[in-house]
């Protein structure tokens, strides 16, 4: 587990500035939910952390600035599961999982982690030799998360994990998040359109509006905020 902190971060694409002075603290071993309307800057925040967009300000893991190159960020223990999952469709489930461990050299532990993930996500074991492209949306999301875990990260970034999934599959994934956090020693920052569900398993929440942080607090405090409930929870 690690702490993740953004201090006065600005980021964007070309001349289009998306994030404006964003400061977020994600505590060691916590699940923090990042909320906001479409275009608020949630995905850009995760991309800035991963080094996928240029940013200014400070991004720190355990109090130390992180590098700006995506591969160096991954080596530091930050895993990013993007929108659309990012699985390699032409590879088998097994090869996708092994690809997640390319930066590791502890072969015995890699084999042990593969066994653990097959137990955690039985369908991945059952379909180990199937092409990833042939999996259902929910199975692909499980594979994307499992592949990220194969890198043995300390910080997991999840971008809209429920996108395109059936409600029951989404609920199963989110019920699993606290277990993943505890068993794999993770700190989690999750962007999620199903705010009610994300807040139900989260410890803390941050609300972005037009690229700026407008509200932070515990998940319970944020879910009880009248404006948040009207905007994201439908009541």
Protein backbone atom coordinates (compact mmCIF):
# COMPACT_ATOMS: atom_id res chain seq x y z
CA UNK A 1 0.00 0.00 0.00
CA UNK A 2 1.11 3.56 -0.66
CA UNK A 3 -0.13 7.11 -0.42
CA UNK A 4 -0.88 9.10 -3.56
CA UNK A 5 -1.01 12.88 -3.57
CA UNK A 6 -1.61 15.54 -6.20
CA UNK A 7 -0.64 19.11 -5.34
CA UNK A 8 -1.69 21.98 -7.57
CA UNK A 9 -1.79 19.85 -10.70
CA UNK A 10 -2.62 21.42 -14.08
CA UNK A 11 -2.98 19.24 -17.17
CA UNK A 12 -4.59 19.22 -20.60
CA UNK A 13 -4.25 18.42 -24.26
CA UNK A 14 -2.36 20.87 -26.44
CA UNK A 15 -3.74 24.31 -25.69
CA UNK A 16 -6.86 22.94 -24.00
CA UNK A 17 -6.40 23.09 -20.25
CA UNK A 18 -8.50 20.47 -18.44
CA UNK A 19 -7.23 20.35 -14.85
CA UNK A 20 -6.82 23.54 -12.85
CA UNK A 21 -4.88 23.46 -9.58
CA UNK A 22 -6.11 19.98 -8.60
CA UNK A 23 -5.03 18.76 -5.16
CA UNK A 24 -6.07 15.28 -3.99
CA UNK A 25 -4.82 13.04 -1.18
CA UNK A 26 -5.45 9.29 -1.44
CA UNK A 27 -4.56 7.67 1.87
CA UNK A 28 -2.55 4.51 2.32
CA UNK A 29 -4.84 1.50 1.79
CA UNK A 30 -7.93 3.57 1.07
CA UNK A 31 -10.49 3.39 -1.72
CA UNK A 32 -11.14 6.91 -3.00
CA UNK A 33 -13.89 7.66 -5.51
CA UNK A 34 -13.43 10.45 -8.06
CA UNK A 35 -16.79 11.88 -9.13
CA UNK A 36 -17.85 14.51 -11.64
CA UNK A 37 -19.92 15.11 -14.74
CA UNK A 38 -18.67 14.16 -18.21
CA UNK A 39 -15.79 16.46 -19.10
CA UNK A 40 -15.01 17.32 -15.48
CA UNK A 41 -11.45 16.01 -15.79
CA UNK A 42 -11.69 12.63 -14.07
CA UNK A 43 -10.00 10.59 -16.81
CA UNK A 44 -7.41 13.32 -17.33
CA UNK A 45 -6.56 13.13 -13.63
CA UNK A 46 -5.77 9.42 -13.92
CA UNK A 47 -3.82 10.00 -17.13
CA UNK A 48 -1.78 12.73 -15.46
CA UNK A 49 -0.86 10.36 -12.65
CA UNK A 50 0.15 7.67 -15.16
CA UNK A 51 2.23 10.07 -17.24
CA UNK A 52 -0.07 9.80 -20.25
CA UNK A 53 -0.65 13.55 -20.44
CA UNK A 54 1.69 16.40 -19.63
CA UNK A 55 1.10 18.05 -16.29
CA UNK A 56 2.56 20.63 -13.96
CA UNK A 57 2.40 20.69 -10.20
CA UNK A 58 3.38 17.78 -7.99
CA UNK A 59 2.29 14.13 -8.11
CA UNK A 60 3.77 12.11 -5.27
CA UNK A 61 3.79 8.48 -4.16
CA UNK A 62 4.74 8.04 -0.52
CA UNK A 63 5.83 11.66 -0.46
CA UNK A 64 8.21 11.39 -3.41
CA UNK A 65 7.63 12.90 -6.88
CA UNK A 66 6.84 10.30 -9.51
CA UNK A 67 8.49 10.22 -12.96
CA UNK A 68 6.62 11.46 -16.01
CA UNK A 69 7.21 8.44 -18.29
CA UNK A 70 4.43 5.81 -18.19
CA UNK A 71 6.81 2.84 -17.96
CA UNK A 72 8.66 4.45 -15.06
CA UNK A 73 5.34 5.14 -13.31
CA UNK A 74 4.43 1.46 -13.70
CA UNK A 75 7.80 0.40 -12.26
CA UNK A 76 7.04 2.58 -9.25
CA UNK A 77 3.97 0.45 -8.53
CA UNK A 78 1.13 2.41 -10.15
CA UNK A 79 -1.24 0.33 -12.32
CA UNK A 80 -3.86 1.98 -14.53
CA UNK A 81 -6.92 0.14 -15.87
CA UNK A 82 -8.26 2.56 -18.50
CA UNK A 83 -11.70 2.98 -19.99
CA UNK A 84 -12.29 0.25 -22.53
CA UNK A 85 -10.18 -2.12 -20.42
CA UNK A 86 -7.17 -2.23 -22.74
CA UNK A 87 -6.87 -6.00 -22.94
CA UNK A 88 -4.88 -7.39 -25.89
CA UNK A 89 -7.68 -9.00 -27.88
CA UNK A 90 -5.61 -11.32 -30.05
CA UNK A 91 -3.78 -12.84 -27.07
CA UNK A 92 -5.17 -15.56 -24.84
CA UNK A 93 -6.41 -14.83 -21.34
CA UNK A 94 -3.31 -16.55 -19.95
CA UNK A 95 -0.94 -14.51 -22.11
CA UNK A 96 -2.69 -11.29 -21.13
CA UNK A 97 -2.10 -12.14 -17.48
CA UNK A 98 1.54 -13.00 -18.10
CA UNK A 99 1.96 -9.70 -19.97
CA UNK A 100 0.97 -7.92 -16.77
CA UNK A 101 4.04 -9.40 -15.06
CA UNK A 102 6.61 -8.43 -17.72
CA UNK A 103 8.46 -6.10 -15.35
CA UNK A 104 8.81 -8.80 -12.68
CA UNK A 105 11.58 -11.35 -12.22
CA UNK A 106 10.18 -13.38 -9.28
CA UNK A 107 9.02 -16.36 -11.33
CA UNK A 108 7.83 -18.50 -8.43
CA UNK A 109 5.69 -15.66 -7.08
CA UNK A 110 4.34 -14.95 -10.58
CA UNK A 111 3.11 -18.55 -10.79
CA UNK A 112 1.58 -18.22 -7.32
CA UNK A 113 -0.18 -14.99 -8.31
CA UNK A 114 -1.57 -16.63 -11.45
CA UNK A 115 -3.07 -19.38 -9.27
CA UNK A 116 -4.55 -16.80 -6.88
CA UNK A 117 -6.15 -14.86 -9.69
CA UNK A 118 -7.67 -18.00 -11.22
CA UNK A 119 -9.26 -18.66 -7.84
CA UNK A 120 -10.40 -15.07 -7.47
CA UNK A 121 -11.80 -14.92 -11.03
CA UNK A 122 -12.70 -18.56 -11.85
CA UNK A 123 -13.87 -17.69 -15.37
CA UNK A 124 -10.33 -16.59 -16.24
CA UNK A 125 -9.05 -20.02 -15.33
CA UNK A 126 -11.82 -21.72 -17.27
CA UNK A 127 -11.09 -19.62 -20.36
CA UNK A 128 -7.31 -19.41 -19.99
CA UNK A 129 -6.63 -20.37 -23.61
CA UNK A 130 -9.46 -18.31 -25.13
CA UNK A 131 -8.70 -15.10 -26.99
CA UNK A 132 -9.42 -12.05 -24.84
CA UNK A 133 -11.48 -10.55 -27.67
CA UNK A 134 -14.00 -13.38 -27.28
CA UNK A 135 -14.76 -12.64 -23.64
CA UNK A 136 -17.89 -10.84 -22.50
CA UNK A 137 -17.58 -7.25 -21.29
CA UNK A 138 -17.61 -8.32 -17.66
CA UNK A 139 -15.00 -11.01 -18.27
CA UNK A 140 -12.78 -8.52 -20.09
CA UNK A 141 -13.03 -6.14 -17.14
CA UNK A 142 -12.06 -8.93 -14.75
CA UNK A 143 -9.12 -9.75 -17.02
CA UNK A 144 -8.03 -6.10 -17.16
CA UNK A 145 -8.03 -5.84 -13.37
CA UNK A 146 -6.31 -9.21 -12.97
CA UNK A 147 -3.64 -8.24 -15.49
CA UNK A 148 -3.00 -5.02 -13.56
CA UNK A 149 -2.65 -7.02 -10.34
CA UNK A 150 -0.04 -9.24 -12.00
CA UNK A 151 2.27 -6.23 -11.93
CA UNK A 152 2.03 -6.29 -8.11
CA UNK A 153 1.16 -2.59 -7.87
CA UNK A 154 0.72 -0.69 -4.64
CA UNK A 155 -1.65 1.81 -6.29
CA UNK A 156 -4.52 0.85 -8.60
CA UNK A 157 -6.24 3.41 -10.84
CA UNK A 158 -9.60 2.31 -12.25
CA UNK A 159 -11.33 4.38 -14.93
CA UNK A 160 -15.06 3.67 -15.30
CA UNK A 161 -14.86 -0.09 -14.59
CA UNK A 162 -18.64 -0.48 -14.97
CA UNK A 163 -18.77 1.07 -18.46
CA UNK A 164 -20.91 -1.12 -20.71
CA UNK A 165 -21.52 -3.77 -18.05
CA UNK A 166 -24.76 -5.22 -16.76
CA UNK A 167 -25.79 -3.89 -13.32
CA UNK A 168 -25.30 -7.27 -11.63
CA UNK A 169 -21.77 -7.64 -13.02
CA UNK A 170 -20.97 -4.10 -11.93
CA UNK A 171 -22.15 -4.82 -8.41
CA UNK A 172 -20.04 -7.99 -8.24
CA UNK A 173 -16.94 -6.04 -9.30
CA UNK A 174 -17.44 -3.34 -6.69
CA UNK A 175 -18.19 -5.81 -3.91
CA UNK A 176 -14.81 -7.34 -4.77
CA UNK A 177 -12.87 -4.06 -4.50
CA UNK A 178 -12.41 -4.00 -0.70
CA UNK A 179 -11.23 -7.62 -0.83
CA UNK A 180 -8.70 -6.79 -3.54
CA UNK A 181 -7.52 -3.81 -1.52
CA UNK A 182 -6.98 -5.92 1.59
CA UNK A 183 -5.56 -9.09 0.05
CA UNK A 184 -3.27 -7.42 -2.50
CA UNK A 185 -2.21 -4.45 -0.37
CA UNK A 186 -3.66 -1.77 -2.62
CA UNK A 187 -4.47 1.90 -2.50
CA UNK A 188 -7.30 2.52 -4.99
CA UNK A 189 -8.44 5.61 -6.89
CA UNK A 190 -11.56 4.85 -8.93
CA UNK A 191 -13.51 6.93 -11.44
CA UNK A 192 -17.05 5.57 -11.68
CA UNK A 193 -20.32 6.67 -13.28
CA UNK A 194 -22.37 4.65 -10.76
CA UNK A 195 -21.69 7.07 -7.93
CA UNK A 196 -24.01 5.39 -5.43
CA UNK A 197 -22.28 2.04 -5.80
CA UNK A 198 -18.79 3.51 -5.76
CA UNK A 199 -19.52 5.51 -2.62
CA UNK A 200 -20.94 2.43 -0.93
CA UNK A 201 -17.54 0.67 -1.03
CA UNK A 202 -15.29 3.75 -0.89
CA UNK A 203 -13.63 5.36 2.10
CA UNK A 204 -13.26 8.86 0.68
CA UNK A 205 -14.57 10.83 -2.28
CA UNK A 206 -13.51 13.80 -4.38
CA UNK A 207 -15.84 15.76 -6.68
CA UNK A 208 -14.46 17.54 -9.75
CA UNK A 209 -16.25 20.27 -11.64
CA UNK A 210 -14.75 21.84 -14.78
CA UNK A 211 -11.32 20.53 -13.84
CA UNK A 212 -11.37 21.83 -10.28
CA UNK A 213 -11.89 20.09 -6.95
CA UNK A 214 -15.14 21.39 -5.47
CA UNK A 215 -15.75 18.88 -2.66
CA UNK A 216 -13.79 16.31 -0.66
CA UNK A 217 -14.68 14.20 2.35
CA UNK A 218 -15.46 10.73 3.54
CA UNK A 219 -17.67 8.70 1.25
CA UNK A 220 -20.49 9.00 3.77
CA UNK A 221 -20.13 12.79 4.00
CA UNK A 222 -20.08 13.23 0.24
CA UNK A 223 -22.99 10.86 -0.37
CA UNK A 224 -25.01 12.84 2.17
CA UNK A 225 -24.28 16.18 0.50
CA UNK A 226 -27.49 17.54 -1.03
CA UNK A 227 -25.94 18.82 -4.26
CA UNK A 228 -24.04 15.59 -4.80
CA UNK A 229 -27.16 13.53 -4.25
CA UNK A 230 -29.12 15.58 -6.77
CA UNK A 231 -26.34 15.55 -9.37
CA UNK A 232 -25.06 11.98 -9.11
CA UNK A 233 -27.34 9.86 -6.96
CA UNK A 234 -30.71 10.80 -8.43
CA UNK A 235 -32.34 12.02 -5.22
